[in-house]
Amino acid sequence: MSFSPRAALMVIDVQEGLDEPRCGARNNPNAEERIADLLAAWRAAGRPVIHVQHASLRPQSPLREELPGHAFKPEALPVAGEPVFKKHVNSAFIGTGLESHLRGEGIEELVLAGLTTDQCVSTPARMAANLGFKVTVVEDATATFERTGHDGIHYGAELMHRVELASLHGEFARIRSAREVIAEASA
């Protein structure tokens, strides 16, 4: 199954502040490389690219607009003409013009990559599916951090990543590798 010509790649929160040690242990250290590969393939095919940037309002967040951590990582820098939607919550659809932009551009299909799998990738994936968009999440172009549950149980980053992908699979999105997505986008 190949992507429609107007399928958009949406790169979410690939920002410097998510490298801070206080975020905890992370899985998939190669996610940014896969994101760069996706961007190169998508741009070469002349397909639409959308960027999402978290502008946290929390005082302790490294993603506040006035802090260096708000900046995009080099692998995910927007180029001229690629829209950037700034958000203050986990979903790129809340408080932004993202849905209007997608509808106005005739985009009905989204390919999601970025950080973090279980929060700022999962939330717009779920919302996009509920809004009627076809969604693909790129498993090796996403990553997340370890978490501790309400009961004190620790969950490793890879487990958090895999469980979230399993939760999205079939219900909200199809889960694909960067290699598969690049092959489909180039077809």
Protein backbone atom coordinates (compact mmCIF):
# COMPACT_ATOMS: atom_id res chain seq x y z
CA MET A 1 0.00 0.00 0.00
CA SER A 2 1.56 3.30 -1.04
CA PHE A 3 0.86 6.77 0.28
CA SER A 4 -1.40 9.20 -1.49
CA PRO A 5 0.44 12.05 -3.27
CA ARG A 6 -0.76 14.49 -0.60
CA ALA A 7 0.28 12.41 2.40
CA ALA A 8 2.18 14.70 4.77
CA LEU A 9 5.15 13.85 6.96
CA MET A 10 4.62 15.41 10.38
CA VAL A 11 7.78 15.74 12.48
CA ILE A 12 6.91 16.28 16.14
CA ASP A 13 8.95 17.90 18.91
CA VAL A 14 12.45 16.96 17.76
CA GLN A 15 13.92 19.59 20.07
CA GLU A 16 17.18 20.10 21.93
CA GLY A 17 15.56 20.16 25.38
CA LEU A 18 14.63 16.50 25.12
CA ASP A 19 18.32 15.60 25.40
CA GLU A 20 18.44 16.83 29.00
CA PRO A 21 19.44 14.11 31.48
CA ARG A 22 16.44 14.91 33.68
CA CYS A 23 14.22 13.38 30.98
CA GLY A 24 15.60 9.97 31.99
CA ALA A 25 16.73 7.00 29.95
CA ARG A 26 15.52 6.95 26.36
CA ASN A 27 15.10 4.18 23.82
CA ASN A 28 15.98 4.29 20.13
CA PRO A 29 19.09 6.50 20.04
CA ASN A 30 18.92 6.39 16.21
CA ALA A 31 15.48 8.01 15.93
CA GLU A 32 16.91 11.34 14.79
CA GLU A 33 18.87 9.62 12.01
CA ARG A 34 15.71 7.90 10.80
CA ILE A 35 13.85 11.23 10.96
CA ALA A 36 16.56 12.84 8.83
CA ASP A 37 16.23 9.95 6.34
CA LEU A 38 12.46 10.42 6.19
CA LEU A 39 12.79 14.17 5.69
CA ALA A 40 15.29 13.70 2.86
CA ALA A 41 13.07 11.16 1.09
CA TRP A 42 9.89 13.15 1.60
CA ARG A 43 11.48 16.37 0.33
CA ALA A 44 13.07 14.61 -2.66
CA ALA A 45 9.64 13.26 -3.61
CA GLY A 46 8.13 16.76 -3.36
CA ARG A 47 5.73 15.68 -0.64
CA PRO A 48 4.41 18.01 2.08
CA VAL A 49 6.30 18.25 5.37
CA ILE A 50 4.85 19.72 8.57
CA HIS A 51 6.76 20.49 11.76
CA VAL A 52 5.39 20.62 15.28
CA GLN A 53 7.28 22.40 18.05
CA HIS A 54 6.39 22.23 21.72
CA ALA A 55 6.39 25.63 23.42
CA SER A 56 5.91 24.62 27.02
CA LEU A 57 4.25 26.95 29.49
CA ARG A 58 5.58 25.00 32.49
CA PRO A 59 8.24 26.95 34.40
CA GLN A 60 10.58 23.96 34.80
CA SER A 61 10.36 22.72 31.20
CA PRO A 62 13.43 22.80 28.93
CA LEU A 63 11.02 23.37 26.00
CA ARG A 64 10.00 26.91 26.99
CA GLU A 65 10.29 29.27 24.01
CA GLU A 66 12.88 31.49 25.67
CA LEU A 67 15.23 28.57 26.44
CA PRO A 68 17.82 26.93 24.13
CA GLY A 69 16.01 23.58 24.52
CA HIS A 70 13.10 24.92 22.48
CA ALA A 71 15.24 24.86 19.31
CA PHE A 72 14.84 22.12 16.72
CA LYS A 73 17.60 19.53 16.58
CA PRO A 74 19.78 19.83 13.42
CA GLU A 75 18.37 16.60 11.95
CA ALA A 76 14.84 18.05 11.96
CA LEU A 77 15.25 21.67 10.94
CA PRO A 78 12.41 23.02 8.81
CA VAL A 79 13.28 24.39 5.38
CA ALA A 80 11.62 27.33 3.66
CA GLY A 81 7.96 26.73 2.94
CA GLU A 82 7.46 23.99 5.53
CA PRO A 83 4.88 25.10 8.10
CA VAL A 84 5.67 24.99 11.81
CA PHE A 85 2.84 24.62 14.32
CA LYS A 86 3.68 25.60 17.88
CA LYS A 87 1.72 23.88 20.60
CA HIS A 88 1.46 24.14 24.38
CA VAL A 89 -0.04 20.69 25.08
CA ASN A 90 0.59 17.12 23.90
CA SER A 91 -1.68 17.35 20.86
CA ALA A 92 -0.65 19.28 17.77
CA PHE A 93 -4.37 19.78 17.05
CA ILE A 94 -5.18 21.76 20.22
CA GLY A 95 -4.72 25.52 20.02
CA THR A 96 -3.12 25.44 16.57
CA GLY A 97 -4.30 25.81 12.99
CA LEU A 98 -3.10 22.32 12.08
CA GLU A 99 -6.47 20.80 11.20
CA SER A 100 -7.46 23.83 9.10
CA HIS A 101 -4.13 23.69 7.31
CA LEU A 102 -4.50 19.98 6.54
CA ARG A 103 -8.04 20.37 5.26
CA GLY A 104 -7.10 23.45 3.22
CA GLU A 105 -4.20 21.60 1.58
CA GLY A 106 -6.28 18.50 0.86
CA ILE A 107 -4.12 16.35 3.12
CA GLU A 108 -5.98 13.25 4.30
CA GLU A 109 -3.03 11.12 5.35
CA LEU A 110 -0.33 11.75 7.98
CA VAL A 111 2.97 10.00 8.63
CA LEU A 112 4.17 10.77 12.16
CA ALA A 113 7.73 10.77 13.48
CA GLY A 114 9.27 12.44 16.51
CA LEU A 115 9.33 12.59 20.27
CA THR A 116 7.85 11.14 22.42
CA THR A 117 6.06 7.99 21.31
CA ASP A 118 3.70 7.80 24.27
CA GLN A 119 2.86 11.48 24.56
CA CYS A 120 3.31 14.01 21.76
CA VAL A 121 3.28 11.43 18.95
CA SER A 122 0.50 9.24 20.34
CA THR A 123 -1.89 12.08 21.18
CA PRO A 124 -2.05 13.63 17.68
CA ALA A 125 -2.09 10.14 16.14
CA ARG A 126 -5.23 9.35 18.11
CA MET A 127 -6.82 12.72 17.40
CA ALA A 128 -5.98 12.59 13.69
CA ALA A 129 -7.58 9.16 13.38
CA ASN A 130 -10.66 10.37 15.23
CA LEU A 131 -10.86 13.36 12.86
CA GLY A 132 -10.86 10.99 9.88
CA PHE A 133 -7.22 11.19 8.77
CA LYS A 134 -5.33 8.06 7.79
CA VAL A 135 -2.32 7.77 10.14
CA THR A 136 1.01 5.97 10.00
CA VAL A 137 3.47 6.07 12.91
CA VAL A 138 7.10 5.35 12.05
CA GLU A 139 8.32 3.01 14.80
CA ASP A 140 12.05 3.60 14.41
CA ALA A 141 11.67 7.36 13.87
CA THR A 142 10.03 7.78 17.27
CA ALA A 143 11.39 7.37 20.79
CA THR A 144 10.38 7.84 24.39
CA PHE A 145 11.67 7.84 27.96
CA GLU A 146 11.42 5.57 30.95
CA ARG A 147 8.48 6.23 33.26
CA THR A 148 7.44 5.46 36.81
CA GLY A 149 3.79 4.65 37.31
CA HIS A 150 1.43 5.98 39.97
CA ASP A 151 2.17 2.85 41.99
CA GLY A 152 5.94 3.33 41.91
CA ILE A 153 6.57 0.62 39.33
CA HIS A 154 9.32 1.54 36.87
CA TYR A 155 8.80 0.98 33.14
CA GLY A 156 11.79 1.04 30.82
CA ALA A 157 11.80 3.28 27.75
CA GLU A 158 11.72 0.42 25.24
CA LEU A 159 8.74 -1.15 26.99
CA MET A 160 6.91 2.20 27.02
CA HIS A 161 7.65 2.62 23.30
CA ARG A 162 6.51 -0.88 22.32
CA VAL A 163 3.33 -0.78 24.43
CA GLU A 164 2.31 2.56 22.95
CA LEU A 165 2.90 1.34 19.40
CA ALA A 166 0.84 -1.77 20.19
CA SER A 167 -1.94 0.44 21.57
CA LEU A 168 -2.01 2.56 18.39
CA HIS A 169 -1.67 -0.36 15.96
CA GLY A 170 -4.83 -1.17 14.05
CA GLU A 171 -7.04 1.14 16.11
CA PHE A 172 -5.54 4.56 15.36
CA ALA A 173 -2.61 3.98 13.01
CA ARG A 174 -0.60 1.54 11.04
CA ILE A 175 2.92 1.09 12.39
CA ARG A 176 5.74 1.00 9.85
CA SER A 177 9.52 1.18 9.78
CA ALA A 178 11.35 4.13 8.19
CA ARG A 179 12.64 1.79 5.49
CA GLU A 180 9.08 0.76 4.57
CA VAL A 181 7.80 4.32 4.65
CA ILE A 182 10.65 5.61 2.47
CA ALA A 183 10.07 2.83 -0.06
CA GLU A 184 6.33 3.65 -0.19
CA ALA A 185 6.91 7.40 -0.41
CA SER A 186 9.35 6.97 -3.29
CA ALA A 187 7.04 4.64 -5.26
